[in-house]
């Protein structure tokens, strides 16, 4: 719901909705969180498919864990100190 509120406000006003009047709080974390909506949907599909095929939650958990790990590692910016 917060994602819908943030994007709706951003689309209508051009500004982010800030539920906390503290200037140190930046609602950009909600914008970053949008990537986890499709990620969780994909994990749900994988888990449901493997549960129905095998009757066990272990294969789905392992595949979903590997997929989430791959996604996070691939999306993490790394820097090398020279």
PDB file of N, CA and C in Angstrom:
ATOM      1  N   UNK A   1       0.817  -1.183   0.000  1.00  0.00           N
ATOM      2  CA  UNK A   1       0.000   0.000   0.000  1.00  0.00           C
ATOM      3  C   UNK A   1       0.875   1.267   0.000  1.00  0.00           C
ATOM      4  N   UNK A   2       1.981   1.194   0.743  1.00  0.00           N
ATOM      5  CA  UNK A   2       2.868   2.360   0.791  1.00  0.00           C
ATOM      6  C   UNK A   2       3.488   2.633  -0.572  1.00  0.00           C
ATOM      7  N   UNK A   3       3.785   1.561  -1.329  1.00  0.00           N
ATOM      8  CA  UNK A   3       4.330   1.755  -2.673  1.00  0.00           C
ATOM      9  C   UNK A   3       3.323   2.464  -3.572  1.00  0.00           C
ATOM     10  N   UNK A   4       2.062   2.073  -3.477  1.00  0.00           N
ATOM     11  CA  UNK A   4       1.019   2.713  -4.282  1.00  0.00           C
ATOM     12  C   UNK A   4       0.889   4.183  -3.890  1.00  0.00           C
ATOM     13  N   UNK A   5       0.926   4.454  -2.594  1.00  0.00           N
ATOM     14  CA  UNK A   5       0.826   5.833  -2.121  1.00  0.00           C
ATOM     15  C   UNK A   5       2.016   6.661  -2.601  1.00  0.00           C
ATOM     16  N   UNK A   6       3.213   6.100  -2.495  1.00  0.00           N
ATOM     17  CA  UNK A   6       4.405   6.842  -2.913  1.00  0.00           C
ATOM     18  C   UNK A   6       4.384   7.145  -4.409  1.00  0.00           C
ATOM     19  N   UNK A   7       4.116   6.127  -5.214  1.00  0.00           N
ATOM     20  CA  UNK A   7       4.134   6.347  -6.650  1.00  0.00           C
ATOM     21  C   UNK A   7       2.967   7.203  -7.114  1.00  0.00           C
ATOM     22  N   UNK A   8       1.809   7.059  -6.490  1.00  0.00           N
ATOM     23  CA  UNK A   8       0.672   7.913  -6.835  1.00  0.00           C
ATOM     24  C   UNK A   8       0.946   9.371  -6.540  1.00  0.00           C
ATOM     25  N   UNK A   9       1.501   9.645  -5.365  1.00  0.00           N
ATOM     26  CA  UNK A   9       1.845  11.016  -4.997  1.00  0.00           C
ATOM     27  C   UNK A   9       2.949  11.564  -5.898  1.00  0.00           C
ATOM     28  N   UNK A  10       3.939  10.736  -6.194  1.00  0.00           N
ATOM     29  CA  UNK A  10       5.022  11.166  -7.073  1.00  0.00           C
ATOM     30  C   UNK A  10       4.492  11.490  -8.468  1.00  0.00           C
ATOM     31  N   UNK A  11       3.575  10.678  -8.960  1.00  0.00           N
ATOM     32  CA  UNK A  11       3.020  10.896 -10.288  1.00  0.00           C
ATOM     33  C   UNK A  11       2.124  12.133 -10.337  1.00  0.00           C
ATOM     34  N   UNK A  12       1.337  12.337  -9.279  1.00  0.00           N
ATOM     35  CA  UNK A  12       0.398  13.462  -9.277  1.00  0.00           C
ATOM     36  C   UNK A  12       1.053  14.805  -8.960  1.00  0.00           C
ATOM     37  N   UNK A  13       1.999  14.813  -8.018  1.00  0.00           N
ATOM     38  CA  UNK A  13       2.573  16.081  -7.563  1.00  0.00           C
ATOM     39  C   UNK A  13       4.027  16.290  -7.977  1.00  0.00           C
ATOM     40  N   UNK A  14       4.715  15.227  -8.346  1.00  0.00           N
ATOM     41  CA  UNK A  14       6.128  15.343  -8.670  1.00  0.00           C
ATOM     42  C   UNK A  14       7.018  15.328  -7.441  1.00  0.00           C
ATOM     43  N   UNK A  15       6.429  15.080  -6.272  1.00  0.00           N
ATOM     44  CA  UNK A  15       7.185  15.019  -5.023  1.00  0.00           C
ATOM     45  C   UNK A  15       6.874  13.718  -4.301  1.00  0.00           C
ATOM     46  N   UNK A  16       7.828  13.258  -3.500  1.00  0.00           N
ATOM     47  CA  UNK A  16       7.606  12.060  -2.706  1.00  0.00           C
ATOM     48  C   UNK A  16       6.776  12.380  -1.476  1.00  0.00           C
ATOM     49  N   UNK A  17       5.905  11.459  -1.135  1.00  0.00           N
ATOM     50  CA  UNK A  17       5.121  11.594   0.090  1.00  0.00           C
ATOM     51  C   UNK A  17       6.018  11.247   1.270  1.00  0.00           C
ATOM     52  N   UNK A  18       6.131  12.152   2.229  1.00  0.00           N
ATOM     53  CA  UNK A  18       6.963  11.922   3.404  1.00  0.00           C
ATOM     54  C   UNK A  18       6.057  11.796   4.625  1.00  0.00           C
ATOM     55  N   UNK A  19       5.819  10.561   5.100  1.00  0.00           N
ATOM     56  CA  UNK A  19       4.910  10.386   6.234  1.00  0.00           C
ATOM     57  C   UNK A  19       5.484  10.892   7.552  1.00  0.00           C
ATOM     58  N   UNK A  20       6.791  11.054   7.623  1.00  0.00           N
ATOM     59  CA  UNK A  20       7.443  11.521   8.843  1.00  0.00           C
ATOM     60  C   UNK A  20       7.984  12.927   8.571  1.00  0.00           C
ATOM     61  N   UNK A  21       7.560  13.914   9.337  1.00  0.00           N
ATOM     62  CA  UNK A  21       8.023  15.284   9.055  1.00  0.00           C
ATOM     63  C   UNK A  21       9.492  15.527   9.393  1.00  0.00           C
ATOM     64  N   UNK A  22      10.193  14.519   9.858  1.00  0.00           N
ATOM     65  CA  UNK A  22      11.616  14.642  10.185  1.00  0.00           C
ATOM     66  C   UNK A  22      12.417  14.816   8.895  1.00  0.00           C
ATOM     67  N   UNK A  23      13.222  15.875   8.753  1.00  0.00           N
ATOM     68  CA  UNK A  23      13.980  16.073   7.515  1.00  0.00           C
ATOM     69  C   UNK A  23      15.068  15.017   7.318  1.00  0.00           C
ATOM     70  N   UNK A  24      15.419  14.283   8.352  1.00  0.00           N
ATOM     71  CA  UNK A  24      16.415  13.229   8.214  1.00  0.00           C
ATOM     72  C   UNK A  24      15.856  11.966   7.599  1.00  0.00           C
ATOM     73  N   UNK A  25      14.532  11.852   7.535  1.00  0.00           N
ATOM     74  CA  UNK A  25      13.892  10.671   6.961  1.00  0.00           C
ATOM     75  C   UNK A  25      13.621  10.922   5.486  1.00  0.00           C
ATOM     76  N   UNK A  26      14.175  10.089   4.648  1.00  0.00           N
ATOM     77  CA  UNK A  26      13.980  10.229   3.211  1.00  0.00           C
ATOM     78  C   UNK A  26      13.166   9.024   2.728  1.00  0.00           C
ATOM     79  N   UNK A  27      12.031   9.260   2.090  1.00  0.00           N
ATOM     80  CA  UNK A  27      11.186   8.142   1.668  1.00  0.00           C
ATOM     81  C   UNK A  27      11.667   7.419   0.421  1.00  0.00           C
ATOM     82  N   UNK A  28      12.916   7.627   0.033  1.00  0.00           N
ATOM     83  CA  UNK A  28      13.431   6.928  -1.143  1.00  0.00           C
ATOM     84  C   UNK A  28      13.538   5.429  -0.931  1.00  0.00           C
ATOM     85  N   UNK A  29      13.546   4.979   0.303  1.00  0.00           N
ATOM     86  CA  UNK A  29      13.606   3.535   0.555  1.00  0.00           C
ATOM     87  C   UNK A  29      12.392   2.832  -0.017  1.00  0.00           C
ATOM     88  N   UNK A  30      11.279   3.518  -0.067  1.00  0.00           N
ATOM     89  CA  UNK A  30      10.078   2.941  -0.675  1.00  0.00           C
ATOM     90  C   UNK A  30      10.264   2.778  -2.174  1.00  0.00           C
ATOM     91  N   UNK A  31      10.902   3.735  -2.799  1.00  0.00           N
ATOM     92  CA  UNK A  31      11.156   3.645  -4.235  1.00  0.00           C
ATOM     93  C   UNK A  31      12.102   2.485  -4.523  1.00  0.00           C
ATOM     94  N   UNK A  32      13.090   2.279  -3.676  1.00  0.00           N
ATOM     95  CA  UNK A  32      14.008   1.164  -3.841  1.00  0.00           C
ATOM     96  C   UNK A  32      13.281  -0.158  -3.623  1.00  0.00           C
ATOM     97  N   UNK A  33      12.283  -0.173  -2.755  1.00  0.00           N
ATOM     98  CA  UNK A  33      11.571  -1.396  -2.415  1.00  0.00           C
ATOM     99  C   UNK A  33      10.692  -1.922  -3.540  1.00  0.00           C
ATOM    100  N   UNK A  34      10.419  -1.132  -4.571  1.00  0.00           N
ATOM    101  CA  UNK A  34       9.548  -1.579  -5.652  1.00  0.00           C
ATOM    102  C   UNK A  34      10.111  -2.812  -6.350  1.00  0.00           C
ATOM    103  N   UNK A  35      11.411  -2.985  -6.361  1.00  0.00           N
ATOM    104  CA  UNK A  35      12.010  -4.140  -7.022  1.00  0.00           C
ATOM    105  C   UNK A  35      11.673  -5.450  -6.318  1.00  0.00           C
ATOM    106  N   UNK A  36      11.301  -5.392  -5.051  1.00  0.00           N
ATOM    107  CA  UNK A  36      11.022  -6.619  -4.321  1.00  0.00           C
ATOM    108  C   UNK A  36       9.621  -7.154  -4.570  1.00  0.00           C
ATOM    109  N   UNK A  37       8.737  -6.359  -5.145  1.00  0.00           N
ATOM    110  CA  UNK A  37       7.390  -6.846  -5.465  1.00  0.00           C
ATOM    111  C   UNK A  37       7.462  -7.942  -6.534  1.00  0.00           C
ATOM    112  N   UNK A  38       8.100  -7.711  -7.696  1.00  0.00           N
ATOM    113  CA  UNK A  38       8.202  -8.812  -8.661  1.00  0.00           C
ATOM    114  C   UNK A  38       9.114  -9.942  -8.182  1.00  0.00           C
ATOM    115  N   UNK A  39      10.126  -9.613  -7.394  1.00  0.00           N
ATOM    116  CA  UNK A  39      11.011 -10.655  -6.871  1.00  0.00           C
ATOM    117  C   UNK A  39      10.237 -11.632  -5.999  1.00  0.00           C
ATOM    118  N   UNK A  40       9.408 -11.123  -5.108  1.00  0.00           N
ATOM    119  CA  UNK A  40       8.616 -12.000  -4.251  1.00  0.00           C
ATOM    120  C   UNK A  40       7.578 -12.775  -5.051  1.00  0.00           C
ATOM    121  N   UNK A  41       7.047 -12.191  -6.112  1.00  0.00           N
ATOM    122  CA  UNK A  41       6.108 -12.912  -6.965  1.00  0.00           C
ATOM    123  C   UNK A  41       6.793 -14.083  -7.668  1.00  0.00           C
ATOM    124  N   UNK A  42       8.014 -13.866  -8.143  1.00  0.00           N
ATOM    125  CA  UNK A  42       8.768 -14.938  -8.799  1.00  0.00           C
ATOM    126  C   UNK A  42       9.084 -16.048  -7.803  1.00  0.00           C
ATOM    127  N   UNK A  43       9.485 -15.678  -6.599  1.00  0.00           N
ATOM    128  CA  UNK A  43       9.783 -16.673  -5.565  1.00  0.00           C
ATOM    129  C   UNK A  43       8.529 -17.473  -5.221  1.00  0.00           C
ATOM    130  N   UNK A  44       7.370 -16.816  -5.184  1.00  0.00           N
ATOM    131  CA  UNK A  44       6.117 -17.522  -4.896  1.00  0.00           C
ATOM    132  C   UNK A  44       5.794 -18.528  -5.994  1.00  0.00           C
ATOM    133  N   UNK A  45       6.015 -18.154  -7.239  1.00  0.00           N
ATOM    134  CA  UNK A  45       5.756 -19.072  -8.356  1.00  0.00           C
ATOM    135  C   UNK A  45       6.695 -20.273  -8.287  1.00  0.00           C
ATOM    136  N   UNK A  46       7.964 -20.019  -8.019  1.00  0.00           N
ATOM    137  CA  UNK A  46       8.938 -21.113  -7.907  1.00  0.00           C
ATOM    138  C   UNK A  46       8.560 -22.054  -6.764  1.00  0.00           C
ATOM    139  N   UNK A  47       8.242 -21.500  -5.615  1.00  0.00           N
ATOM    140  CA  UNK A  47       7.915 -22.316  -4.452  1.00  0.00           C
ATOM    141  C   UNK A  47       6.644 -23.129  -4.682  1.00  0.00           C
ATOM    142  N   UNK A  48       5.636 -22.523  -5.278  1.00  0.00           N
ATOM    143  CA  UNK A  48       4.384 -23.232  -5.539  1.00  0.00           C
ATOM    144  C   UNK A  48       4.584 -24.343  -6.561  1.00  0.00           C
ATOM    145  N   UNK A  49       5.324 -24.044  -7.617  1.00  0.00           N
ATOM    146  CA  UNK A  49       5.575 -25.051  -8.652  1.00  0.00           C
ATOM    147  C   UNK A  49       6.319 -26.254  -8.082  1.00  0.00           C
ATOM    148  N   UNK A  50       7.394 -26.009  -7.342  1.00  0.00           N
ATOM    149  CA  UNK A  50       8.172 -27.129  -6.809  1.00  0.00           C
ATOM    150  C   UNK A  50       7.408 -27.886  -5.727  1.00  0.00           C
ATOM    151  N   UNK A  51       6.580 -27.190  -4.967  1.00  0.00           N
ATOM    152  CA  UNK A  51       5.762 -27.875  -3.950  1.00  0.00           C
ATOM    153  C   UNK A  51       4.790 -28.846  -4.612  1.00  0.00           C
ATOM    154  N   UNK A  52       4.156 -28.401  -5.695  1.00  0.00           N
ATOM    155  CA  UNK A  52       3.189 -29.258  -6.383  1.00  0.00           C
ATOM    156  C   UNK A  52       3.860 -30.414  -7.100  1.00  0.00           C
ATOM    157  N   UNK A  53       5.063 -30.210  -7.602  1.00  0.00           N
ATOM    158  CA  UNK A  53       5.764 -31.271  -8.326  1.00  0.00           C
ATOM    159  C   UNK A  53       6.406 -32.295  -7.400  1.00  0.00           C
ATOM    160  N   UNK A  54       6.936 -31.845  -6.264  1.00  0.00           N
ATOM    161  CA  UNK A  54       7.691 -32.746  -5.403  1.00  0.00           C
ATOM    162  C   UNK A  54       6.971 -33.106  -4.114  1.00  0.00           C
ATOM    163  N   UNK A  55       6.014 -32.281  -3.677  1.00  0.00           N
ATOM    164  CA  UNK A  55       5.339 -32.533  -2.409  1.00  0.00           C
ATOM    165  C   UNK A  55       6.171 -32.136  -1.203  1.00  0.00           C
ATOM    166  N   UNK A  56       7.277 -31.449  -1.451  1.00  0.00           N
ATOM    167  CA  UNK A  56       8.159 -31.017  -0.372  1.00  0.00           C
ATOM    168  C   UNK A  56       8.507 -29.542  -0.572  1.00  0.00           C
ATOM    169  N   UNK A  57       8.722 -28.857   0.533  1.00  0.00           N
ATOM    170  CA  UNK A  57       9.079 -27.445   0.431  1.00  0.00           C
ATOM    171  C   UNK A  57      10.580 -27.233   0.256  1.00  0.00           C
ATOM    172  N   UNK A  58      11.390 -28.235   0.491  1.00  0.00           N
ATOM    173  CA  UNK A  58      12.840 -28.084   0.443  1.00  0.00           C
ATOM    174  C   UNK A  58      13.377 -27.685  -0.934  1.00  0.00           C
ATOM    175  N   UNK A  59      12.987 -28.357  -2.030  1.00  0.00           N
ATOM    176  CA  UNK A  59      13.537 -27.929  -3.334  1.00  0.00           C
ATOM    177  C   UNK A  59      13.181 -26.482  -3.679  1.00  0.00           C
ATOM    178  N   UNK A  60      11.953 -26.087  -3.410  1.00  0.00           N
ATOM    179  CA  UNK A  60      11.553 -24.710  -3.689  1.00  0.00           C
ATOM    180  C   UNK A  60      12.312 -23.711  -2.843  1.00  0.00           C
ATOM    181  N   UNK A  61      12.533 -24.071  -1.583  1.00  0.00           N
ATOM    182  CA  UNK A  61      13.282 -23.177  -0.694  1.00  0.00           C
ATOM    183  C   UNK A  61      14.721 -23.022  -1.170  1.00  0.00           C
ATOM    184  N   UNK A  62      15.333 -24.114  -1.589  1.00  0.00           N
ATOM    185  CA  UNK A  62      16.713 -24.036  -2.071  1.00  0.00           C
ATOM    186  C   UNK A  62      16.813 -23.229  -3.364  1.00  0.00           C
ATOM    187  N   UNK A  63      15.912 -23.479  -4.303  1.00  0.00           N
ATOM    188  CA  UNK A  63      15.939 -22.749  -5.570  1.00  0.00           C
ATOM    189  C   UNK A  63      15.636 -21.270  -5.332  1.00  0.00           C
ATOM    190  N   UNK A  64      14.635 -20.982  -4.514  1.00  0.00           N
ATOM    191  CA  UNK A  64      14.289 -19.586  -4.223  1.00  0.00           C
ATOM    192  C   UNK A  64      15.437 -18.889  -3.495  1.00  0.00           C
ATOM    193  N   UNK A  65      16.079 -19.580  -2.567  1.00  0.00           N
ATOM    194  CA  UNK A  65      17.219 -19.004  -1.859  1.00  0.00           C
ATOM    195  C   UNK A  65      18.367 -18.679  -2.801  1.00  0.00           C
ATOM    196  N   UNK A  66      18.645 -19.584  -3.726  1.00  0.00           N
ATOM    197  CA  UNK A  66      19.695 -19.324  -4.709  1.00  0.00           C
ATOM    198  C   UNK A  66      19.319 -18.166  -5.629  1.00  0.00           C
ATOM    199  N   UNK A  67      18.053 -18.112  -6.019  1.00  0.00           N
ATOM    200  CA  UNK A  67      17.598 -17.035  -6.905  1.00  0.00           C
ATOM    201  C   UNK A  67      17.697 -15.668  -6.216  1.00  0.00           C
ATOM    202  N   UNK A  68      17.247 -15.587  -4.977  1.00  0.00           N
ATOM    203  CA  UNK A  68      17.309 -14.315  -4.240  1.00  0.00           C
ATOM    204  C   UNK A  68      18.761 -13.920  -3.997  1.00  0.00           C
ATOM    205  N   UNK A  69      19.604 -14.883  -3.658  1.00  0.00           N
ATOM    206  CA  UNK A  69      21.030 -14.594  -3.459  1.00  0.00           C
ATOM    207  C   UNK A  69      21.660 -14.071  -4.743  1.00  0.00           C
ATOM    208  N   UNK A  70      21.361 -14.726  -5.856  1.00  0.00           N
ATOM    209  CA  UNK A  70      21.880 -14.276  -7.152  1.00  0.00           C
ATOM    210  C   UNK A  70      21.411 -12.862  -7.469  1.00  0.00           C
ATOM    211  N   UNK A  71      20.142 -12.585  -7.214  1.00  0.00           N
ATOM    212  CA  UNK A  71      19.570 -11.274  -7.516  1.00  0.00           C
ATOM    213  C   UNK A  71      20.233 -10.175  -6.685  1.00  0.00           C
ATOM    214  N   UNK A  72      20.424 -10.436  -5.406  1.00  0.00           N
ATOM    215  CA  UNK A  72      21.024  -9.433  -4.526  1.00  0.00           C
ATOM    216  C   UNK A  72      22.496  -9.216  -4.857  1.00  0.00           C
ATOM    217  N   UNK A  73      23.223 -10.301  -5.100  1.00  0.00           N
ATOM    218  CA  UNK A  73      24.647 -10.172  -5.420  1.00  0.00           C
ATOM    219  C   UNK A  73      24.829  -9.470  -6.763  1.00  0.00           C
ATOM    220  N   UNK A  74      24.007  -9.806  -7.749  1.00  0.00           N
ATOM    221  CA  UNK A  74      24.133  -9.182  -9.065  1.00  0.00           C
ATOM    222  C   UNK A  74      23.772  -7.697  -9.027  1.00  0.00           C
ATOM    223  N   UNK A  75      22.907  -7.293  -8.107  1.00  0.00           N
ATOM    224  CA  UNK A  75      22.486  -5.903  -8.044  1.00  0.00           C
ATOM    225  C   UNK A  75      23.262  -5.047  -7.072  1.00  0.00           C
ATOM    226  N   UNK A  76      24.273  -5.623  -6.437  1.00  0.00           N
ATOM    227  CA  UNK A  76      25.047  -4.882  -5.454  1.00  0.00           C
ATOM    228  C   UNK A  76      26.245  -4.214  -6.129  1.00  0.00           C
ATOM    229  N   UNK A  77      26.365  -2.926  -5.937  1.00  0.00           N
ATOM    230  CA  UNK A  77      27.494  -2.201  -6.492  1.00  0.00           C
ATOM    231  C   UNK A  77      28.715  -2.442  -5.605  1.00  0.00           C
ATOM    232  N   UNK A  78      29.806  -2.770  -6.242  1.00  0.00           N
ATOM    233  CA  UNK A  78      31.048  -2.992  -5.495  1.00  0.00           C
ATOM    234  C   UNK A  78      32.109  -2.018  -5.989  1.00  0.00           C
ATOM    235  N   UNK A  79      32.984  -1.624  -5.095  1.00  0.00           N
ATOM    236  CA  UNK A  79      34.058  -0.715  -5.442  1.00  0.00           C
ATOM    237  C   UNK A  79      35.346  -1.265  -4.879  1.00  0.00           C
ATOM    238  N   UNK A  80      36.395  -1.009  -5.600  1.00  0.00           N
ATOM    239  CA  UNK A  80      37.713  -1.459  -5.173  1.00  0.00           C
ATOM    240  C   UNK A  80      38.504  -0.229  -4.736  1.00  0.00           C
ATOM    241  N   UNK A  81      39.081  -0.294  -3.555  1.00  0.00           N
ATOM    242  CA  UNK A  81      39.903   0.815  -3.076  1.00  0.00           C
ATOM    243  C   UNK A  81      41.281   0.723  -3.704  1.00  0.00           C
ATOM    244  N   UNK A  82      41.735   1.826  -4.255  1.00  0.00           N
ATOM    245  CA  UNK A  82      43.074   1.838  -4.888  1.00  0.00           C
ATOM    246  C   UNK A  82      44.070   2.515  -3.983  1.00  0.00           C
TER     247      UNK A  82
END
